[in-house]
PDB file of N, CA and C in Angstrom:
ATOM      1  N   MET A   1     205.130  61.092 100.537  1.00  0.00           N
ATOM      2  CA  MET A   1     205.834  61.625 101.703  1.00  0.00           C
ATOM      3  C   MET A   1     204.910  61.644 102.925  1.00  0.00           C
ATOM      4  N   ALA A   2     203.653  62.008 102.732  1.00  0.00           N
ATOM      5  CA  ALA A   2     202.709  62.047 103.856  1.00  0.00           C
ATOM      6  C   ALA A   2     202.499  60.651 104.436  1.00  0.00           C
ATOM      7  N   GLN A   3     202.507  59.620 103.548  1.00  0.00           N
ATOM      8  CA  GLN A   3     202.340  58.248 104.035  1.00  0.00           C
ATOM      9  C   GLN A   3     203.530  57.827 104.892  1.00  0.00           C
ATOM     10  N   VAL A   4     204.724  58.223 104.500  1.00  0.00           N
ATOM     11  CA  VAL A   4     205.920  57.902 105.272  1.00  0.00           C
ATOM     12  C   VAL A   4     205.845  58.565 106.642  1.00  0.00           C
ATOM     13  N   GLU A   5     205.452  59.828 106.683  1.00  0.00           N
ATOM     14  CA  GLU A   5     205.312  60.545 107.947  1.00  0.00           C
ATOM     15  C   GLU A   5     204.251  59.897 108.832  1.00  0.00           C
ATOM     16  N   ALA A   6     203.132  59.505 108.246  1.00  0.00           N
ATOM     17  CA  ALA A   6     202.067  58.860 109.022  1.00  0.00           C
ATOM     18  C   ALA A   6     202.570  57.550 109.608  1.00  0.00           C
ATOM     19  N   LYS A   7     203.350  56.804 108.826  1.00  0.00           N
ATOM     20  CA  LYS A   7     203.877  55.537 109.318  1.00  0.00           C
ATOM     21  C   LYS A   7     204.840  55.768 110.484  1.00  0.00           C
ATOM     22  N   LYS A   8     205.698  56.760 110.377  1.00  0.00           N
ATOM     23  CA  LYS A   8     206.640  57.059 111.456  1.00  0.00           C
ATOM     24  C   LYS A   8     205.905  57.440 112.731  1.00  0.00           C
ATOM     25  N   GLN A   9     204.810  58.184 112.592  1.00  0.00           N
ATOM     26  CA  GLN A   9     204.046  58.599 113.764  1.00  0.00           C
ATOM     27  C   GLN A   9     203.383  57.413 114.446  1.00  0.00           C
ATOM     28  N   GLN A  10     203.050  56.381 113.684  1.00  0.00           N
ATOM     29  CA  GLN A  10     202.380  55.216 114.244  1.00  0.00           C
ATOM     30  C   GLN A  10     203.350  54.303 114.994  1.00  0.00           C
ATOM     31  N   GLU A  11     204.618  54.389 114.705  1.00  0.00           N
ATOM     32  CA  GLU A  11     205.575  53.510 115.356  1.00  0.00           C
ATOM     33  C   GLU A  11     205.694  53.836 116.846  1.00  0.00           C
ATOM     34  N   VAL A  12     205.983  52.795 117.620  1.00  0.00           N
ATOM     35  CA  VAL A  12     206.129  52.943 119.061  1.00  0.00           C
ATOM     36  C   VAL A  12     207.618  52.883 119.387  1.00  0.00           C
ATOM     37  N   LYS A  13     208.099  53.888 120.115  1.00  0.00           N
ATOM     38  CA  LYS A  13     209.503  53.897 120.542  1.00  0.00           C
ATOM     39  C   LYS A  13     209.630  52.977 121.744  1.00  0.00           C
ATOM     40  N   VAL A  14     210.366  51.893 121.563  1.00  0.00           N
ATOM     41  CA  VAL A  14     210.525  50.902 122.627  1.00  0.00           C
ATOM     42  C   VAL A  14     211.925  51.018 123.218  1.00  0.00           C
ATOM     43  N   THR A  15     211.993  51.012 124.539  1.00  0.00           N
ATOM     44  CA  THR A  15     213.272  50.899 125.230  1.00  0.00           C
ATOM     45  C   THR A  15     213.155  49.725 126.194  1.00  0.00           C
ATOM     46  N   ALA A  16     214.277  49.087 126.430  1.00  0.00           N
ATOM     47  CA  ALA A  16     214.313  47.988 127.395  1.00  0.00           C
ATOM     48  C   ALA A  16     215.621  48.075 128.159  1.00  0.00           C
ATOM     49  N   ASP A  17     215.513  47.891 129.470  1.00  0.00           N
ATOM     50  CA  ASP A  17     216.732  47.847 130.264  1.00  0.00           C
ATOM     51  C   ASP A  17     216.964  46.416 130.739  1.00  0.00           C
ATOM     52  N   TYR A  18     218.193  46.147 131.107  1.00  0.00           N
ATOM     53  CA  TYR A  18     218.582  44.842 131.633  1.00  0.00           C
ATOM     54  C   TYR A  18     219.588  45.129 132.729  1.00  0.00           C
ATOM     55  N   LEU A  19     219.330  44.633 133.908  1.00  0.00           N
ATOM     56  CA  LEU A  19     220.055  45.046 135.101  1.00  0.00           C
ATOM     57  C   LEU A  19     221.575  45.147 134.973  1.00  0.00           C
ATOM     58  N   PRO A  20     222.288  44.145 134.458  1.00  0.00           N
ATOM     59  CA  PRO A  20     223.751  44.316 134.413  1.00  0.00           C
ATOM     60  C   PRO A  20     224.245  45.271 133.318  1.00  0.00           C
ATOM     61  N   ALA A  21     223.385  45.612 132.369  1.00  0.00           N
ATOM     62  CA  ALA A  21     223.825  46.412 131.215  1.00  0.00           C
ATOM     63  C   ALA A  21     223.910  47.897 131.556  1.00  0.00           C
ATOM     64  N   THR A  22     224.831  48.581 130.900  1.00  0.00           N
ATOM     65  CA  THR A  22     224.997  50.022 131.101  1.00  0.00           C
ATOM     66  C   THR A  22     224.234  50.842 130.067  1.00  0.00           C
ATOM     67  N   GLU A  23     223.753  50.176 129.022  1.00  0.00           N
ATOM     68  CA  GLU A  23     223.042  50.866 127.948  1.00  0.00           C
ATOM     69  C   GLU A  23     221.702  50.191 127.709  1.00  0.00           C
ATOM     70  N   ASP A  24     220.663  50.971 127.406  1.00  0.00           N
ATOM     71  CA  ASP A  24     219.342  50.422 127.122  1.00  0.00           C
ATOM     72  C   ASP A  24     219.212  50.032 125.660  1.00  0.00           C
ATOM     73  N   PHE A  25     218.382  49.048 125.418  1.00  0.00           N
ATOM     74  CA  PHE A  25     217.979  48.661 124.064  1.00  0.00           C
ATOM     75  C   PHE A  25     216.941  49.676 123.602  1.00  0.00           C
ATOM     76  N   LYS A  26     217.093  50.189 122.374  1.00  0.00           N
ATOM     77  CA  LYS A  26     216.153  51.177 121.838  1.00  0.00           C
ATOM     78  C   LYS A  26     215.856  50.847 120.386  1.00  0.00           C
ATOM     79  N   LYS A  27     214.571  50.794 120.048  1.00  0.00           N
ATOM     80  CA  LYS A  27     214.169  50.529 118.668  1.00  0.00           C
ATOM     81  C   LYS A  27     212.717  50.938 118.493  1.00  0.00           C
ATOM     82  N   LYS A  28     212.353  51.339 117.279  1.00  0.00           N
ATOM     83  CA  LYS A  28     210.962  51.676 116.965  1.00  0.00           C
ATOM     84  C   LYS A  28     210.303  50.472 116.307  1.00  0.00           C
ATOM     85  N   TYR A  29     209.059  50.216 116.700  1.00  0.00           N
ATOM     86  CA  TYR A  29     208.301  49.093 116.158  1.00  0.00           C
ATOM     87  C   TYR A  29     206.905  49.536 115.746  1.00  0.00           C
ATOM     88  N   PRO A  30     206.361  48.919 114.697  1.00  0.00           N
ATOM     89  CA  PRO A  30     204.951  49.153 114.380  1.00  0.00           C
ATOM     90  C   PRO A  30     204.077  48.541 115.481  1.00  0.00           C
ATOM     91  N   PRO A  31     202.900  49.089 115.733  1.00  0.00           N
ATOM     92  CA  PRO A  31     202.040  48.591 116.815  1.00  0.00           C
ATOM     93  C   PRO A  31     201.651  47.122 116.665  1.00  0.00           C
ATOM     94  N   GLU A  32     201.660  46.605 115.438  1.00  0.00           N
ATOM     95  CA  GLU A  32     201.248  45.211 115.237  1.00  0.00           C
ATOM     96  C   GLU A  32     202.356  44.197 115.556  1.00  0.00           C
ATOM     97  N   THR A  33     203.538  44.671 115.918  1.00  0.00           N
ATOM     98  CA  THR A  33     204.653  43.788 116.270  1.00  0.00           C
ATOM     99  C   THR A  33     204.306  42.973 117.515  1.00  0.00           C
ATOM    100  N   VAL A  34     204.504  41.646 117.432  1.00  0.00           N
ATOM    101  CA  VAL A  34     204.244  40.822 118.615  1.00  0.00           C
ATOM    102  C   VAL A  34     205.390  40.992 119.615  1.00  0.00           C
ATOM    103  N   LEU A  35     205.044  40.890 120.889  1.00  0.00           N
ATOM    104  CA  LEU A  35     206.025  41.136 121.951  1.00  0.00           C
ATOM    105  C   LEU A  35     207.181  40.142 121.924  1.00  0.00           C
ATOM    106  N   GLU A  36     206.962  38.938 121.395  1.00  0.00           N
ATOM    107  CA  GLU A  36     208.047  37.963 121.305  1.00  0.00           C
ATOM    108  C   GLU A  36     209.179  38.498 120.426  1.00  0.00           C
ATOM    109  N   THR A  37     208.847  39.265 119.399  1.00  0.00           N
ATOM    110  CA  THR A  37     209.873  39.879 118.544  1.00  0.00           C
ATOM    111  C   THR A  37     210.718  40.851 119.358  1.00  0.00           C
ATOM    112  N   ILE A  38     210.076  41.645 120.184  1.00  0.00           N
ATOM    113  CA  ILE A  38     210.799  42.608 121.021  1.00  0.00           C
ATOM    114  C   ILE A  38     211.664  41.870 122.040  1.00  0.00           C
ATOM    115  N   ARG A  39     211.112  40.816 122.655  1.00  0.00           N
ATOM    116  CA  ARG A  39     211.875  40.018 123.625  1.00  0.00           C
ATOM    117  C   ARG A  39     213.115  39.427 122.955  1.00  0.00           C
ATOM    118  N   SER A  40     212.935  38.886 121.767  1.00  0.00           N
ATOM    119  CA  SER A  40     214.043  38.279 121.031  1.00  0.00           C
ATOM    120  C   SER A  40     215.097  39.321 120.655  1.00  0.00           C
ATOM    121  N   ASP A  41     214.666  40.470 120.160  1.00  0.00           N
ATOM    122  CA  ASP A  41     215.597  41.543 119.784  1.00  0.00           C
ATOM    123  C   ASP A  41     216.365  42.061 121.007  1.00  0.00           C
ATOM    124  N   ALA A  42     215.676  42.194 122.128  1.00  0.00           N
ATOM    125  CA  ALA A  42     216.329  42.671 123.357  1.00  0.00           C
ATOM    126  C   ALA A  42     217.354  41.647 123.847  1.00  0.00           C
ATOM    127  N   LYS A  43     217.002  40.370 123.796  1.00  0.00           N
ATOM    128  CA  LYS A  43     217.958  39.325 124.209  1.00  0.00           C
ATOM    129  C   LYS A  43     219.204  39.378 123.328  1.00  0.00           C
ATOM    130  N   SER A  44     219.017  39.542 122.036  1.00  0.00           N
ATOM    131  CA  SER A  44     220.171  39.644 121.123  1.00  0.00           C
ATOM    132  C   SER A  44     221.031  40.850 121.455  1.00  0.00           C
ATOM    133  N   PHE A  45     220.386  41.990 121.702  1.00  0.00           N
ATOM    134  CA  PHE A  45     221.102  43.219 122.027  1.00  0.00           C
ATOM    135  C   PHE A  45     221.952  43.048 123.282  1.00  0.00           C
ATOM    136  N   PHE A  46     221.391  42.373 124.289  1.00  0.00           N
ATOM    137  CA  PHE A  46     222.098  42.192 125.561  1.00  0.00           C
ATOM    138  C   PHE A  46     222.962  40.925 125.597  1.00  0.00           C
ATOM    139  N   HIS A  47     223.024  40.205 124.468  1.00  0.00           N
ATOM    140  CA  HIS A  47     223.849  38.993 124.350  1.00  0.00           C
ATOM    141  C   HIS A  47     223.488  37.937 125.388  1.00  0.00           C
ATOM    142  N   VAL A  48     222.183  37.705 125.563  1.00  0.00           N
ATOM    143  CA  VAL A  48     221.722  36.648 126.460  1.00  0.00           C
ATOM    144  C   VAL A  48     220.771  35.748 125.683  1.00  0.00           C
ATOM    145  N   GLN A  49     220.601  34.537 126.169  1.00  0.00           N
ATOM    146  CA  GLN A  49     219.654  33.628 125.527  1.00  0.00           C
ATOM    147  C   GLN A  49     219.052  32.688 126.562  1.00  0.00           C
ATOM    148  N   ASP A  50     217.822  32.262 126.271  1.00  0.00           N
ATOM    149  CA  ASP A  50     217.208  31.241 127.109  1.00  0.00           C
ATOM    150  C   ASP A  50     218.063  29.993 126.945  1.00  0.00           C
ATOM    151  N   ARG A  51     218.359  29.315 128.058  1.00  0.00           N
ATOM    152  CA  ARG A  51     219.202  28.126 127.959  1.00  0.00           C
ATOM    153  C   ARG A  51     219.000  27.234 129.166  1.00  0.00           C
ATOM    154  N   GLN A  52     219.405  25.998 128.995  1.00  0.00           N
ATOM    155  CA  GLN A  52     219.354  25.075 130.114  1.00  0.00           C
ATOM    156  C   GLN A  52     220.719  24.428 130.264  1.00  0.00           C
ATOM    157  N   GLU A  53     221.297  24.665 131.407  1.00  0.00           N
ATOM    158  CA  GLU A  53     222.547  24.007 131.774  1.00  0.00           C
ATOM    159  C   GLU A  53     222.147  23.110 132.942  1.00  0.00           C
ATOM    160  N   ARG A  54     222.783  23.235 134.076  1.00  0.00           N
ATOM    161  CA  ARG A  54     222.259  22.552 135.255  1.00  0.00           C
ATOM    162  C   ARG A  54     220.983  23.276 135.694  1.00  0.00           C
ATOM    163  N   ASP A  55     221.021  24.598 135.606  1.00  0.00           N
ATOM    164  CA  ASP A  55     219.857  25.434 135.895  1.00  0.00           C
ATOM    165  C   ASP A  55     219.233  25.882 134.572  1.00  0.00           C
ATOM    166  N   THR A  56     217.992  26.329 134.642  1.00  0.00           N
ATOM    167  CA  THR A  56     217.310  26.849 133.457  1.00  0.00           C
ATOM    168  C   THR A  56     217.282  28.373 133.539  1.00  0.00           C
ATOM    169  N   TYR A  57     217.710  29.025 132.472  1.00  0.00           N
ATOM    170  CA  TYR A  57     217.740  30.493 132.391  1.00  0.00           C
ATOM    171  C   TYR A  57     216.692  30.923 131.371  1.00  0.00           C
ATOM    172  N   PHE A  58     215.780  31.772 131.808  1.00  0.00           N
ATOM    173  CA  PHE A  58     214.730  32.273 130.924  1.00  0.00           C
ATOM    174  C   PHE A  58     214.633  33.782 131.121  1.00  0.00           C
ATOM    175  N   TYR A  59     214.519  34.498 130.037  1.00  0.00           N
ATOM    176  CA  TYR A  59     214.445  35.964 130.073  1.00  0.00           C
ATOM    177  C   TYR A  59     213.047  36.403 129.658  1.00  0.00           C
ATOM    178  N   TYR A  60     212.400  37.183 130.517  1.00  0.00           N
ATOM    179  CA  TYR A  60     211.058  37.645 130.198  1.00  0.00           C
ATOM    180  C   TYR A  60     211.011  39.173 130.239  1.00  0.00           C
ATOM    181  N   LEU A  61     209.977  39.709 129.589  1.00  0.00           N
ATOM    182  CA  LEU A  61     209.758  41.148 129.586  1.00  0.00           C
ATOM    183  C   LEU A  61     208.858  41.536 130.756  1.00  0.00           C
ATOM    184  N   ALA A  62     209.150  42.669 131.353  1.00  0.00           N
ATOM    185  CA  ALA A  62     208.279  43.262 132.363  1.00  0.00           C
ATOM    186  C   ALA A  62     207.885  44.646 131.856  1.00  0.00           C
ATOM    187  N   TYR A  63     206.620  44.990 132.044  1.00  0.00           N
ATOM    188  CA  TYR A  63     206.091  46.287 131.620  1.00  0.00           C
ATOM    189  C   TYR A  63     205.335  46.891 132.799  1.00  0.00           C
ATOM    190  N   LYS A  64     205.716  48.087 133.189  1.00  0.00           N
ATOM    191  CA  LYS A  64     205.127  48.767 134.347  1.00  0.00           C
ATOM    192  C   LYS A  64     205.223  47.895 135.602  1.00  0.00           C
ATOM    193  N   GLY A  65     206.342  47.214 135.737  1.00  0.00           N
ATOM    194  CA  GLY A  65     206.590  46.408 136.920  1.00  0.00           C
ATOM    195  C   GLY A  65     205.922  45.043 136.933  1.00  0.00           C
ATOM    196  N   GLU A  66     205.180  44.718 135.898  1.00  0.00           N
ATOM    197  CA  GLU A  66     204.463  43.445 135.830  1.00  0.00           C
ATOM    198  C   GLU A  66     205.041  42.569 134.720  1.00  0.00           C
ATOM    199  N   ARG A  67     205.152  41.287 135.008  1.00  0.00           N
ATOM    200  CA  ARG A  67     205.637  40.336 134.006  1.00  0.00           C
ATOM    201  C   ARG A  67     204.654  40.257 132.844  1.00  0.00           C
ATOM    202  N   VAL A  68     205.170  40.302 131.620  1.00  0.00           N
ATOM    203  CA  VAL A  68     204.346  40.128 130.426  1.00  0.00           C
ATOM    204  C   VAL A  68     204.135  38.630 130.264  1.00  0.00           C
ATOM    205  N   GLU A  69     202.912  38.177 130.495  1.00  0.00           N
ATOM    206  CA  GLU A  69     202.621  36.742 130.475  1.00  0.00           C
ATOM    207  C   GLU A  69     202.547  36.173 129.064  1.00  0.00           C
ATOM    208  N   SER A  70     201.999  36.926 128.122  1.00  0.00           N
ATOM    209  CA  SER A  70     201.850  36.430 126.755  1.00  0.00           C
ATOM    210  C   SER A  70     202.648  37.301 125.789  1.00  0.00           C
ATOM    211  N   THR A  71     203.632  36.684 125.157  1.00  0.00           N
ATOM    212  CA  THR A  71     204.430  37.434 124.180  1.00  0.00           C
ATOM    213  C   THR A  71     203.849  37.308 122.771  1.00  0.00           C
ATOM    214  N   ASN A  72     202.677  36.682 122.654  1.00  0.00           N
ATOM    215  CA  ASN A  72     201.995  36.595 121.362  1.00  0.00           C
ATOM    216  C   ASN A  72     201.050  37.769 121.141  1.00  0.00           C
ATOM    217  N   VAL A  73     201.017  38.699 122.084  1.00  0.00           N
ATOM    218  CA  VAL A  73     200.170  39.883 122.002  1.00  0.00           C
ATOM    219  C   VAL A  73     200.904  40.958 121.208  1.00  0.00           C
ATOM    220  N   ALA A  74     200.161  41.738 120.443  1.00  0.00           N
ATOM    221  CA  ALA A  74     200.759  42.841 119.685  1.00  0.00           C
ATOM    222  C   ALA A  74     201.114  43.989 120.628  1.00  0.00           C
ATOM    223  N   LEU A  75     202.196  44.667 120.308  1.00  0.00           N
ATOM    224  CA  LEU A  75     202.650  45.816 121.085  1.00  0.00           C
ATOM    225  C   LEU A  75     201.530  46.840 121.270  1.00  0.00           C
ATOM    226  N   GLY A  76     200.795  47.124 120.198  1.00  0.00           N
ATOM    227  CA  GLY A  76     199.708  48.102 120.243  1.00  0.00           C
ATOM    228  C   GLY A  76     198.596  47.726 121.207  1.00  0.00           C
ATOM    229  N   GLU A  77     198.384  46.423 121.424  1.00  0.00           N
ATOM    230  CA  GLU A  77     197.363  45.985 122.379  1.00  0.00           C
ATOM    231  C   GLU A  77     197.816  46.244 123.813  1.00  0.00           C
ATOM    232  N   LEU A  78     199.098  46.091 124.065  1.00  0.00           N
ATOM    233  CA  LEU A  78     199.628  46.291 125.413  1.00  0.00           C
ATOM    234  C   LEU A  78     199.694  47.772 125.779  1.00  0.00           C
ATOM    235  N   VAL A  79     200.228  48.586 124.881  1.00  0.00           N
ATOM    236  CA  VAL A  79     200.441  50.002 125.205  1.00  0.00           C
ATOM    237  C   VAL A  79     199.298  50.902 124.738  1.00  0.00           C
ATOM    238  N   GLU A  80     198.405  50.368 123.928  1.00  0.00           N
ATOM    239  CA  GLU A  80     197.275  51.088 123.365  1.00  0.00           C
ATOM    240  C   GLU A  80     197.714  52.395 122.739  1.00  0.00           C
ATOM    241  N   HIS A  81     197.292  53.524 123.167  1.00  0.00           N
ATOM    242  CA  HIS A  81     197.528  54.773 122.430  1.00  0.00           C
ATOM    243  C   HIS A  81     198.872  55.436 122.719  1.00  0.00           C
ATOM    244  N   ALA A  82     199.767  54.732 123.362  1.00  0.00           N
ATOM    245  CA  ALA A  82     201.073  55.316 123.704  1.00  0.00           C
ATOM    246  C   ALA A  82     202.000  55.329 122.490  1.00  0.00           C
ATOM    247  N   HIS A  83     202.900  56.295 122.480  1.00  0.00           N
ATOM    248  CA  HIS A  83     203.895  56.395 121.412  1.00  0.00           C
ATOM    249  C   HIS A  83     205.241  55.846 121.860  1.00  0.00           C
ATOM    250  N   ALA A  84     205.331  55.457 123.136  1.00  0.00           N
ATOM    251  CA  ALA A  84     206.570  54.925 123.677  1.00  0.00           C
ATOM    252  C   ALA A  84     206.237  53.887 124.750  1.00  0.00           C
ATOM    253  N   ALA A  85     207.142  52.914 124.899  1.00  0.00           N
ATOM    254  CA  ALA A  85     206.960  51.885 125.927  1.00  0.00           C
ATOM    255  C   ALA A  85     208.324  51.508 126.474  1.00  0.00           C
ATOM    256  N   HIS A  86     208.381  51.344 127.790  1.00  0.00           N
ATOM    257  CA  HIS A  86     209.628  50.944 128.430  1.00  0.00           C
ATOM    258  C   HIS A  86     209.439  49.578 129.089  1.00  0.00           C
ATOM    259  N   PHE A  87     210.312  48.662 128.718  1.00  0.00           N
ATOM    260  CA  PHE A  87     210.291  47.314 129.266  1.00  0.00           C
ATOM    261  C   PHE A  87     211.569  47.070 130.055  1.00  0.00           C
ATOM    262  N   SER A  88     211.531  46.051 130.884  1.00  0.00           N
ATOM    263  CA  SER A  88     212.736  45.520 131.517  1.00  0.00           C
ATOM    264  C   SER A  88     212.862  44.073 131.068  1.00  0.00           C
ATOM    265  N   LEU A  89     214.076  43.666 130.733  1.00  0.00           N
ATOM    266  CA  LEU A  89     214.345  42.267 130.442  1.00  0.00           C
ATOM    267  C   LEU A  89     214.846  41.667 131.747  1.00  0.00           C
ATOM    268  N   VAL A  90     214.143  40.655 132.234  1.00  0.00           N
ATOM    269  CA  VAL A  90     214.426  40.098 133.549  1.00  0.00           C
ATOM    270  C   VAL A  90     214.862  38.645 133.407  1.00  0.00           C
ATOM    271  N   GLU A  91     215.927  38.300 134.106  1.00  0.00           N
ATOM    272  CA  GLU A  91     216.443  36.926 134.085  1.00  0.00           C
ATOM    273  C   GLU A  91     215.769  36.121 135.197  1.00  0.00           C
ATOM    274  N   GLN A  92     215.226  34.975 134.808  1.00  0.00           N
ATOM    275  CA  GLN A  92     214.633  34.051 135.778  1.00  0.00           C
ATOM    276  C   GLN A  92     215.475  32.781 135.748  1.00  0.00           C
ATOM    277  N   ILE A  93     215.988  32.379 136.888  1.00  0.00           N
ATOM    278  CA  ILE A  93     216.804  31.174 136.980  1.00  0.00           C
ATOM    279  C   ILE A  93     216.027  30.149 137.799  1.00  0.00           C
ATOM    280  N   THR A  94     215.797  28.988 137.203  1.00  0.00           N
ATOM    281  CA  THR A  94     215.144  27.906 137.900  1.00  0.00           C
ATOM    282  C   THR A  94     216.195  26.839 138.171  1.00  0.00           C
ATOM    283  N   ALA A  95     216.386  26.526 139.438  1.00  0.00           N
ATOM    284  CA  ALA A  95     217.415  25.561 139.829  1.00  0.00           C
ATOM    285  C   ALA A  95     217.100  24.188 139.256  1.00  0.00           C
ATOM    286  N   GLY A  96     218.151  23.550 138.752  1.00  0.00           N
ATOM    287  CA  GLY A  96     218.003  22.211 138.208  1.00  0.00           C
ATOM    288  C   GLY A  96     217.985  21.183 139.329  1.00  0.00           C
ATOM    289  N   VAL A  97     217.502  20.011 138.994  1.00  0.00           N
ATOM    290  CA  VAL A  97     217.471  18.915 139.961  1.00  0.00           C
ATOM    291  C   VAL A  97     218.862  18.285 140.044  1.00  0.00           C
ATOM    292  N   VAL A  98     219.344  18.124 141.256  1.00  0.00           N
ATOM    293  CA  VAL A  98     220.693  17.563 141.447  1.00  0.00           C
ATOM    294  C   VAL A  98     220.617  16.074 141.565  1.00  0.00           C
TER     295      VAL A  98
END
């Protein structure tokens, strides 16, 4: 039981907002979770996906107002000793060549 409690305490409460959505994505992750997993889970929650039509649509995470450049980093490395982290899922549209 103590091991279960210790594990729960180590998890990071993650929330992510997405501008058009009325509800935030919320999930707990172990600190070793790579940020790409969180980005993927948030995209699924908000029913969006990276895609290329005429334009290219890419969704990235922002943390403390800054774009997360590497999603191969572990959550624990980004937030360090925090027990919670708030991200924004941001849509980037790159115009296609006509």
